[in-house]
Amino acid sequence: MLEHVKFAVMVLKSDRRGVTAVEYALVAGALVAGVAVAFTALTGNLKAYLGGLAF
């Protein structure tokens, strides 16, 4: 049984697909956070600009 565990650990250590998926998820999360911050910062300016327009 111990040999099966060693083999499973060896296979999991050599499989890098999970690490790549985590890296992509971290990059996507950073991009989403950056976009959220940008939209939050620009919302006040946009409201002020649109409020100053006379229709």
N, C-alpha and C. Protein backbone atom coordinates (compact mmCIF):
# COMPACT_ATOMS: atom_id res chain seq x y z
N MET A 1 0.83 -1.19 0.00
CA MET A 1 0.00 0.00 0.00
C MET A 1 0.87 1.25 0.00
N LEU A 2 1.97 1.21 0.72
CA LEU A 2 2.87 2.36 0.77
C LEU A 2 3.44 2.67 -0.60
N GLU A 3 3.66 1.63 -1.40
CA GLU A 3 4.16 1.83 -2.76
C GLU A 3 3.14 2.57 -3.62
N HIS A 4 1.86 2.29 -3.40
CA HIS A 4 0.80 2.98 -4.15
C HIS A 4 0.77 4.47 -3.79
N VAL A 5 0.96 4.76 -2.53
CA VAL A 5 0.98 6.15 -2.08
C VAL A 5 2.18 6.88 -2.67
N LYS A 6 3.33 6.25 -2.64
CA LYS A 6 4.54 6.85 -3.23
C LYS A 6 4.34 7.12 -4.72
N PHE A 7 3.74 6.14 -5.42
CA PHE A 7 3.49 6.31 -6.85
C PHE A 7 2.51 7.45 -7.11
N ALA A 8 1.46 7.55 -6.30
CA ALA A 8 0.47 8.62 -6.47
C ALA A 8 1.11 9.98 -6.23
N VAL A 9 1.96 10.09 -5.23
CA VAL A 9 2.65 11.35 -4.96
C VAL A 9 3.57 11.72 -6.10
N MET A 10 4.27 10.73 -6.65
CA MET A 10 5.17 10.98 -7.77
C MET A 10 4.40 11.46 -9.00
N VAL A 11 3.27 10.85 -9.27
CA VAL A 11 2.46 11.25 -10.42
C VAL A 11 1.91 12.66 -10.21
N LEU A 12 1.44 12.96 -9.03
CA LEU A 12 0.88 14.29 -8.77
C LEU A 12 1.95 15.38 -8.82
N LYS A 13 3.16 15.06 -8.40
CA LYS A 13 4.24 16.04 -8.44
C LYS A 13 4.66 16.34 -9.87
N SER A 14 4.56 15.35 -10.76
CA SER A 14 4.97 15.56 -12.14
C SER A 14 3.88 16.21 -12.98
N ASP A 15 2.64 16.23 -12.51
CA ASP A 15 1.52 16.83 -13.25
C ASP A 15 1.45 18.32 -12.92
N ARG A 16 1.77 19.18 -13.89
CA ARG A 16 1.85 20.62 -13.66
C ARG A 16 0.59 21.35 -14.13
N ARG A 17 -0.41 20.63 -14.63
CA ARG A 17 -1.61 21.28 -15.14
C ARG A 17 -2.36 22.03 -14.06
N GLY A 18 -2.42 21.49 -12.87
CA GLY A 18 -3.11 22.15 -11.77
C GLY A 18 -2.43 23.44 -11.37
N VAL A 19 -1.13 23.46 -11.40
CA VAL A 19 -0.38 24.66 -11.06
C VAL A 19 -0.65 25.75 -12.09
N THR A 20 -0.69 25.38 -13.35
CA THR A 20 -0.96 26.35 -14.41
C THR A 20 -2.36 26.92 -14.25
N ALA A 21 -3.32 26.10 -13.92
CA ALA A 21 -4.69 26.57 -13.73
C ALA A 21 -4.76 27.55 -12.58
N VAL A 22 -4.04 27.28 -11.51
CA VAL A 22 -4.03 28.20 -10.37
C VAL A 22 -3.37 29.52 -10.76
N GLU A 23 -2.31 29.46 -11.54
CA GLU A 23 -1.65 30.69 -11.99
C GLU A 23 -2.60 31.52 -12.84
N TYR A 24 -3.32 30.88 -13.76
CA TYR A 24 -4.28 31.61 -14.58
C TYR A 24 -5.39 32.21 -13.72
N ALA A 25 -5.83 31.49 -12.72
CA ALA A 25 -6.88 32.01 -11.84
C ALA A 25 -6.39 33.22 -11.05
N LEU A 26 -5.14 33.20 -10.61
CA LEU A 26 -4.59 34.35 -9.89
C LEU A 26 -4.46 35.57 -10.80
N VAL A 27 -4.03 35.36 -12.03
CA VAL A 27 -3.92 36.48 -12.98
C VAL A 27 -5.31 37.04 -13.28
N ALA A 28 -6.27 36.17 -13.50
CA ALA A 28 -7.63 36.62 -13.78
C ALA A 28 -8.20 37.39 -12.58
N GLY A 29 -7.94 36.92 -11.39
CA GLY A 29 -8.41 37.62 -10.19
C GLY A 29 -7.78 39.00 -10.05
N ALA A 30 -6.49 39.10 -10.36
CA ALA A 30 -5.82 40.40 -10.30
C ALA A 30 -6.40 41.36 -11.34
N LEU A 31 -6.69 40.85 -12.54
CA LEU A 31 -7.30 41.70 -13.57
C LEU A 31 -8.69 42.17 -13.16
N VAL A 32 -9.47 41.28 -12.60
CA VAL A 32 -10.82 41.66 -12.15
C VAL A 32 -10.74 42.70 -11.05
N ALA A 33 -9.82 42.53 -10.13
CA ALA A 33 -9.65 43.52 -9.05
C ALA A 33 -9.23 44.87 -9.62
N GLY A 34 -8.34 44.87 -10.59
CA GLY A 34 -7.90 46.13 -11.21
C GLY A 34 -9.02 46.82 -11.94
N VAL A 35 -9.83 46.06 -12.66
CA VAL A 35 -10.97 46.65 -13.37
C VAL A 35 -11.99 47.20 -12.37
N ALA A 36 -12.23 46.49 -11.29
CA ALA A 36 -13.17 46.96 -10.27
C ALA A 36 -12.70 48.26 -9.65
N VAL A 37 -11.42 48.36 -9.36
CA VAL A 37 -10.86 49.59 -8.79
C VAL A 37 -10.98 50.73 -9.79
N ALA A 38 -10.68 50.45 -11.05
CA ALA A 38 -10.76 51.50 -12.08
C ALA A 38 -12.20 51.98 -12.25
N PHE A 39 -13.15 51.07 -12.30
CA PHE A 39 -14.54 51.48 -12.44
C PHE A 39 -15.01 52.29 -11.24
N THR A 40 -14.58 51.89 -10.06
CA THR A 40 -14.96 52.62 -8.85
C THR A 40 -14.39 54.03 -8.87
N ALA A 41 -13.15 54.17 -9.31
CA ALA A 41 -12.52 55.48 -9.36
C ALA A 41 -13.16 56.37 -10.43
N LEU A 42 -13.55 55.77 -11.54
CA LEU A 42 -14.11 56.55 -12.64
C LEU A 42 -15.59 56.87 -12.47
N THR A 43 -16.29 56.16 -11.63
CA THR A 43 -17.72 56.37 -11.46
C THR A 43 -18.02 57.78 -10.97
N GLY A 44 -17.27 58.25 -9.98
CA GLY A 44 -17.50 59.60 -9.46
C GLY A 44 -17.26 60.66 -10.52
N ASN A 45 -16.20 60.52 -11.29
CA ASN A 45 -15.90 61.47 -12.36
C ASN A 45 -16.97 61.45 -13.44
N LEU A 46 -17.45 60.28 -13.77
CA LEU A 46 -18.48 60.15 -14.81
C LEU A 46 -19.79 60.76 -14.35
N LYS A 47 -20.16 60.56 -13.08
CA LYS A 47 -21.39 61.17 -12.57
C LYS A 47 -21.28 62.69 -12.58
N ALA A 48 -20.14 63.22 -12.19
CA ALA A 48 -19.95 64.66 -12.19
C ALA A 48 -20.01 65.22 -13.62
N TYR A 49 -19.40 64.52 -14.55
CA TYR A 49 -19.39 64.98 -15.94
C TYR A 49 -20.79 64.95 -16.53
N LEU A 50 -21.50 63.84 -16.34
CA LEU A 50 -22.84 63.72 -16.90
C LEU A 50 -23.82 64.66 -16.19
N GLY A 51 -23.60 64.92 -14.91
CA GLY A 51 -24.46 65.84 -14.18
C GLY A 51 -24.30 67.27 -14.66
N GLY A 52 -23.13 67.61 -15.18
CA GLY A 52 -22.88 68.96 -15.67
C GLY A 52 -23.41 69.21 -17.07
N LEU A 53 -23.79 68.16 -17.77
CA LEU A 53 -24.32 68.33 -19.12
C LEU A 53 -25.77 68.80 -19.05
N ALA A 54 -26.13 69.74 -19.92
CA ALA A 54 -27.52 70.22 -19.99
C ALA A 54 -28.19 69.55 -21.17
N PHE A 55 -29.28 68.90 -20.90
CA PHE A 55 -30.02 68.24 -21.98
C PHE A 55 -31.14 69.08 -22.45
